[in-house]
Amino acid sequence: MKAIIIDDEKHCREVLESLLKKHCPQVELCGMFASAADAISQLEHLKPDLIFLDIEMPGMNGFEFLQQFKRRDFAVIFTTAYNEYAIQAIKHSALDYLLKPVDKHELMEAVNRAAEEQVHKTADKVALLLQAMQAKPGVRRFAVPTLEGLTMINPEDILYVKSDGPYSHFYFNDGRHIMISKTLKESEDVLPAEDFFRIHNSYLINLKYVKKYIRGEGGEVVMNNGEQIPVSRTKKQEFLGLLDKI
């Protein structure tokens, strides 16, 4: 794979270059850039298959860089030292990222995933990322990948989420139901932790819509729509503690 590095810190570029040469022989590094603007002017000539992209950069950050392209035929691996919100957005979009200082094993895994990834999927993933990053403060609508494409949802409308292997079933308070192409853990990662609780290995519920709790070994909760959902024994005390705060 032909790859480029975009990072405003010279030391970070050089460290990543060294790691790639030592541990990722399948990567041909064909350019390193200190700014996103410099990289844009060379992309047509270099035609990279993979871009290692820093997030926090002066002038144009990594997300703004991606917005410059209507068509993206390259894979992206983000590199970042911090920015928890950005990481959550990246996880939501299923794009890869590496925390600085870059670990050689994580780098090798990310490169292997990029090599196996079908390039045409990248555009959808970047679209999801930009949707998450561009959300206005207080507006939580975001796009989720379904079997048909992308669907916009508002977490406040979700009653609960049920696991189905590599998929998640979302149940809404208006009676709607959709299945998305993410595991329950991935769904949990992108939903607001203050509202949603993993009550069972197979269920994630919106605490706002708990109607009542039925005692038992683990017990059950009754949601606003009448659905009864089991509570794991290991989650019971934590859940009851959360109910006291509502």
Protein backbone atom coordinates (compact mmCIF):
# COMPACT_ATOMS: atom_id res chain seq x y z
CA MET A 1 0.00 0.00 0.00
CA LYS A 2 1.18 3.51 -0.80
CA ALA A 3 0.83 5.73 2.27
CA ILE A 4 1.42 9.29 3.40
CA ILE A 5 1.70 10.87 6.85
CA ILE A 6 0.08 14.21 7.69
CA ASP A 7 1.21 15.57 11.06
CA ASP A 8 2.39 19.05 12.07
CA GLU A 9 4.91 17.64 14.57
CA LYS A 10 8.19 16.61 12.94
CA HIS A 11 9.08 14.19 15.74
CA CYS A 12 5.75 12.36 15.34
CA ARG A 13 6.24 12.05 11.60
CA GLU A 14 9.72 10.64 12.03
CA VAL A 15 8.73 8.16 14.74
CA LEU A 16 5.84 6.87 12.65
CA GLU A 17 8.08 6.64 9.59
CA SER A 18 10.59 4.56 11.54
CA LEU A 19 7.89 2.23 12.90
CA LEU A 20 6.44 1.68 9.44
CA LYS A 21 9.84 0.81 7.96
CA LYS A 22 10.59 -1.66 10.74
CA HIS A 23 7.24 -3.34 11.24
CA CYS A 24 5.01 -2.74 8.20
CA PRO A 25 6.88 -3.82 5.05
CA GLN A 26 3.64 -3.83 3.07
CA VAL A 27 3.49 -0.05 3.37
CA GLU A 28 5.36 2.12 0.89
CA LEU A 29 5.69 5.58 2.45
CA CYS A 30 5.59 8.04 -0.41
CA GLY A 31 5.23 11.34 1.41
CA MET A 32 5.18 13.17 4.75
CA PHE A 33 3.51 16.54 5.25
CA ALA A 34 3.52 19.09 8.05
CA SER A 35 0.11 20.46 7.09
CA ALA A 36 -3.11 19.23 5.54
CA ALA A 37 -2.97 22.00 2.94
CA ASP A 38 0.44 20.81 1.72
CA ALA A 39 -0.85 17.24 1.46
CA ILE A 40 -3.92 18.23 -0.57
CA SER A 41 -1.76 19.77 -3.29
CA GLN A 42 0.11 16.46 -3.72
CA LEU A 43 -2.68 13.89 -3.41
CA GLU A 44 -3.54 13.80 -7.10
CA HIS A 45 0.10 13.05 -7.92
CA LEU A 46 0.82 10.57 -5.11
CA LYS A 47 -2.55 8.75 -5.10
CA PRO A 48 -2.07 7.13 -1.65
CA ASP A 49 -4.03 4.05 -0.62
CA LEU A 50 -3.68 4.97 3.06
CA ILE A 51 -3.32 8.24 4.99
CA PHE A 52 -2.04 8.51 8.55
CA LEU A 53 -3.84 11.66 9.63
CA ASP A 54 -3.22 13.77 12.73
CA ILE A 55 -6.35 15.34 14.23
CA GLU A 56 -5.15 18.49 15.98
CA MET A 57 -3.26 20.63 13.47
CA PRO A 58 -3.08 24.41 12.94
CA GLY A 59 -4.78 25.87 9.92
CA MET A 60 -6.75 22.78 8.93
CA ASN A 61 -7.37 19.86 11.28
CA GLY A 62 -7.83 16.25 10.25
CA PHE A 63 -11.61 16.42 10.05
CA GLU A 64 -11.55 19.60 7.97
CA PHE A 65 -9.05 17.91 5.66
CA LEU A 66 -11.50 15.07 4.97
CA GLN A 67 -14.27 17.54 4.20
CA GLN A 68 -12.29 18.70 1.16
CA PHE A 69 -13.05 15.49 -0.73
CA LYS A 70 -16.34 14.58 -2.35
CA ARG A 71 -14.86 11.24 -3.39
CA ARG A 72 -12.41 9.40 -1.16
CA ASP A 73 -10.47 6.45 -2.53
CA PHE A 74 -8.03 6.14 0.36
CA ALA A 75 -8.21 4.51 3.78
CA VAL A 76 -7.67 6.63 6.89
CA ILE A 77 -5.90 5.88 10.17
CA PHE A 78 -6.10 8.79 12.61
CA THR A 79 -3.25 9.60 14.97
CA THR A 80 -3.99 11.61 18.10
CA ALA A 81 -2.60 12.37 21.54
CA TYR A 82 -5.94 13.22 23.17
CA ASN A 83 -9.42 14.61 22.40
CA GLU A 84 -11.86 12.13 23.92
CA TYR A 85 -14.81 13.50 21.94
CA ALA A 86 -12.97 13.00 18.66
CA ILE A 87 -12.11 9.42 19.61
CA GLN A 88 -15.77 8.66 20.33
CA ALA A 89 -16.71 10.02 16.91
CA ILE A 90 -14.01 7.93 15.24
CA LYS A 91 -15.21 4.79 17.04
CA HIS A 92 -18.76 5.55 15.93
CA SER A 93 -17.65 5.71 12.30
CA ALA A 94 -15.60 2.47 12.60
CA LEU A 95 -12.48 4.18 11.28
CA ASP A 96 -9.14 3.26 12.83
CA TYR A 97 -7.10 5.46 15.13
CA LEU A 98 -3.78 5.27 16.97
CA LEU A 99 -3.03 7.02 20.25
CA LYS A 100 0.32 8.76 20.53
CA PRO A 101 2.92 7.62 21.34
CA VAL A 102 2.14 5.00 18.70
CA ASP A 103 2.50 1.39 19.81
CA LYS A 104 4.12 -0.84 17.18
CA HIS A 105 1.65 -3.70 17.73
CA GLU A 106 -1.38 -1.42 17.42
CA LEU A 107 0.17 0.08 14.30
CA MET A 108 0.65 -3.35 12.72
CA GLU A 109 -2.94 -4.32 13.52
CA ALA A 110 -4.33 -1.08 12.10
CA VAL A 111 -2.31 -1.44 8.89
CA ASN A 112 -3.43 -5.05 8.48
CA ARG A 113 -7.06 -3.99 8.88
CA ALA A 114 -6.57 -1.23 6.32
CA ALA A 115 -5.05 -3.73 3.89
CA GLU A 116 -8.06 -6.02 4.25
CA GLU A 117 -10.59 -3.20 4.10
CA GLN A 118 -12.54 -2.71 0.90
CA VAL A 119 -11.79 0.84 -0.18
CA HIS A 120 -15.34 1.65 -1.22
CA LYS A 121 -16.47 1.32 2.40
CA THR A 122 -14.23 4.19 3.47
CA ALA A 123 -16.50 6.90 2.06
CA ASP A 124 -19.47 5.72 4.15
CA LYS A 125 -17.30 5.58 7.27
CA VAL A 126 -15.98 9.09 6.72
CA ALA A 127 -19.54 10.33 6.16
CA LEU A 128 -20.51 8.86 9.53
CA LEU A 129 -17.52 10.50 11.19
CA LEU A 130 -18.25 13.94 9.76
CA GLN A 131 -21.89 13.62 10.77
CA ALA A 132 -20.86 12.92 14.35
CA MET A 133 -18.27 15.71 14.46
CA GLN A 134 -20.51 18.36 12.90
CA ALA A 135 -23.40 17.87 15.31
CA LYS A 136 -24.29 21.17 16.97
CA PRO A 137 -24.05 21.40 20.77
CA GLY A 138 -27.18 19.92 22.31
CA VAL A 139 -28.17 18.18 19.08
CA ARG A 140 -27.51 14.49 19.32
CA ARG A 141 -28.90 13.18 16.05
CA PHE A 142 -26.41 11.04 14.21
CA ALA A 143 -26.25 8.55 11.38
CA VAL A 144 -26.05 4.79 11.98
CA PRO A 145 -25.21 2.10 9.42
CA THR A 146 -28.15 -0.17 8.59
CA LEU A 147 -28.35 -2.94 5.99
CA GLU A 148 -30.01 -0.47 3.60
CA GLY A 149 -27.61 2.45 4.11
CA LEU A 150 -27.54 5.20 6.73
CA THR A 151 -30.37 6.16 9.08
CA MET A 152 -30.58 9.27 11.25
CA ILE A 153 -31.57 8.66 14.86
CA ASN A 154 -31.94 10.70 18.04
CA PRO A 155 -30.78 8.87 21.19
CA GLU A 156 -33.56 10.55 23.16
CA ASP A 157 -36.09 8.55 21.14
CA ILE A 158 -34.52 5.15 21.95
CA LEU A 159 -36.24 2.94 24.53
CA TYR A 160 -33.68 0.15 24.52
CA VAL A 161 -31.16 -1.69 22.37
CA LYS A 162 -30.97 -5.47 22.07
CA SER A 163 -27.93 -7.48 20.98
CA ASP A 164 -28.04 -9.79 17.99
CA GLY A 165 -24.45 -10.94 17.49
CA PRO A 166 -22.72 -8.46 15.15
CA TYR A 167 -25.94 -6.41 14.94
CA SER A 168 -28.02 -4.30 17.33
CA HIS A 169 -31.80 -3.88 17.35
CA PHE A 170 -32.93 -0.36 18.28
CA TYR A 171 -36.45 0.00 19.72
CA PHE A 172 -37.96 3.50 19.82
CA ASN A 173 -40.67 5.06 21.96
CA ASP A 174 -42.85 5.64 18.88
CA GLY A 175 -42.94 1.90 18.10
CA ARG A 176 -40.26 1.92 15.41
CA HIS A 177 -37.58 -0.75 15.25
CA ILE A 178 -34.39 -0.83 13.19
CA MET A 179 -31.41 -3.16 13.03
CA ILE A 180 -27.96 -1.59 12.64
CA SER A 181 -24.62 -3.07 11.62
CA LYS A 182 -22.91 -2.59 15.00
CA THR A 183 -22.47 -4.79 18.07
CA LEU A 184 -24.16 -3.83 21.33
CA LYS A 185 -20.78 -2.74 22.72
CA GLU A 186 -20.20 -0.44 19.73
CA SER A 187 -23.71 0.97 20.16
CA GLU A 188 -23.05 1.53 23.86
CA ASP A 189 -19.86 3.44 23.07
CA VAL A 190 -21.66 6.08 20.99
CA LEU A 191 -24.76 6.57 23.13
CA PRO A 192 -24.69 9.08 26.04
CA ALA A 193 -23.53 7.26 29.19
CA GLU A 194 -25.65 9.49 31.43
CA ASP A 195 -28.85 8.18 29.82
CA PHE A 196 -28.06 4.59 28.82
CA PHE A 197 -27.15 1.63 31.02
CA ARG A 198 -26.03 -1.89 30.07
CA ILE A 199 -28.51 -3.73 32.24
CA HIS A 200 -27.76 -7.18 30.84
CA ASN A 201 -25.28 -8.76 28.45
CA SER A 202 -27.92 -8.50 25.72
CA TYR A 203 -29.68 -5.24 26.63
CA LEU A 204 -28.90 -1.55 26.85
CA ILE A 205 -31.75 0.59 28.19
CA ASN A 206 -32.62 4.28 28.27
CA LEU A 207 -33.04 5.05 31.98
CA LYS A 208 -35.52 7.82 31.17
CA TYR A 209 -38.06 5.26 29.99
CA VAL A 210 -37.99 2.80 32.90
CA LYS A 211 -41.55 2.48 34.17
CA LYS A 212 -40.93 0.14 37.11
CA TYR A 213 -38.60 -2.48 38.55
CA ILE A 214 -39.80 -5.99 39.49
CA ARG A 215 -37.82 -7.70 42.25
CA GLY A 216 -36.15 -11.05 41.64
CA GLU A 217 -32.74 -12.72 41.59
CA GLY A 218 -31.69 -10.08 39.15
CA GLY A 219 -35.14 -8.71 38.60
CA GLU A 220 -36.77 -7.16 35.58
CA VAL A 221 -37.51 -3.67 34.40
CA VAL A 222 -40.70 -2.66 32.66
CA MET A 223 -40.19 -0.03 29.99
CA ASN A 224 -42.73 2.61 28.97
CA ASN A 225 -44.00 0.42 26.16
CA GLY A 226 -44.67 -2.49 28.55
CA GLU A 227 -41.65 -4.52 27.45
CA GLN A 228 -40.10 -6.53 30.31
CA ILE A 229 -36.30 -6.74 30.22
CA PRO A 230 -34.17 -8.93 32.53
CA VAL A 231 -31.61 -7.41 34.86
CA SER A 232 -28.32 -9.27 35.22
CA ARG A 233 -27.45 -10.27 38.80
CA THR A 234 -24.07 -8.61 38.42
CA LYS A 235 -25.71 -5.34 37.33
CA LYS A 236 -28.55 -5.28 39.86
CA GLN A 237 -26.98 -3.19 42.63
CA GLU A 238 -25.45 -0.67 40.23
CA PHE A 239 -28.76 -0.33 38.44
CA LEU A 240 -30.75 0.17 41.67
CA GLY A 241 -28.22 2.81 42.69
CA LEU A 242 -28.84 4.66 39.43
CA LEU A 243 -32.60 4.50 39.96
CA ASP A 244 -32.20 6.26 43.31
CA LYS A 245 -30.58 9.19 41.46
CA ILE A 246 -33.29 9.57 38.82
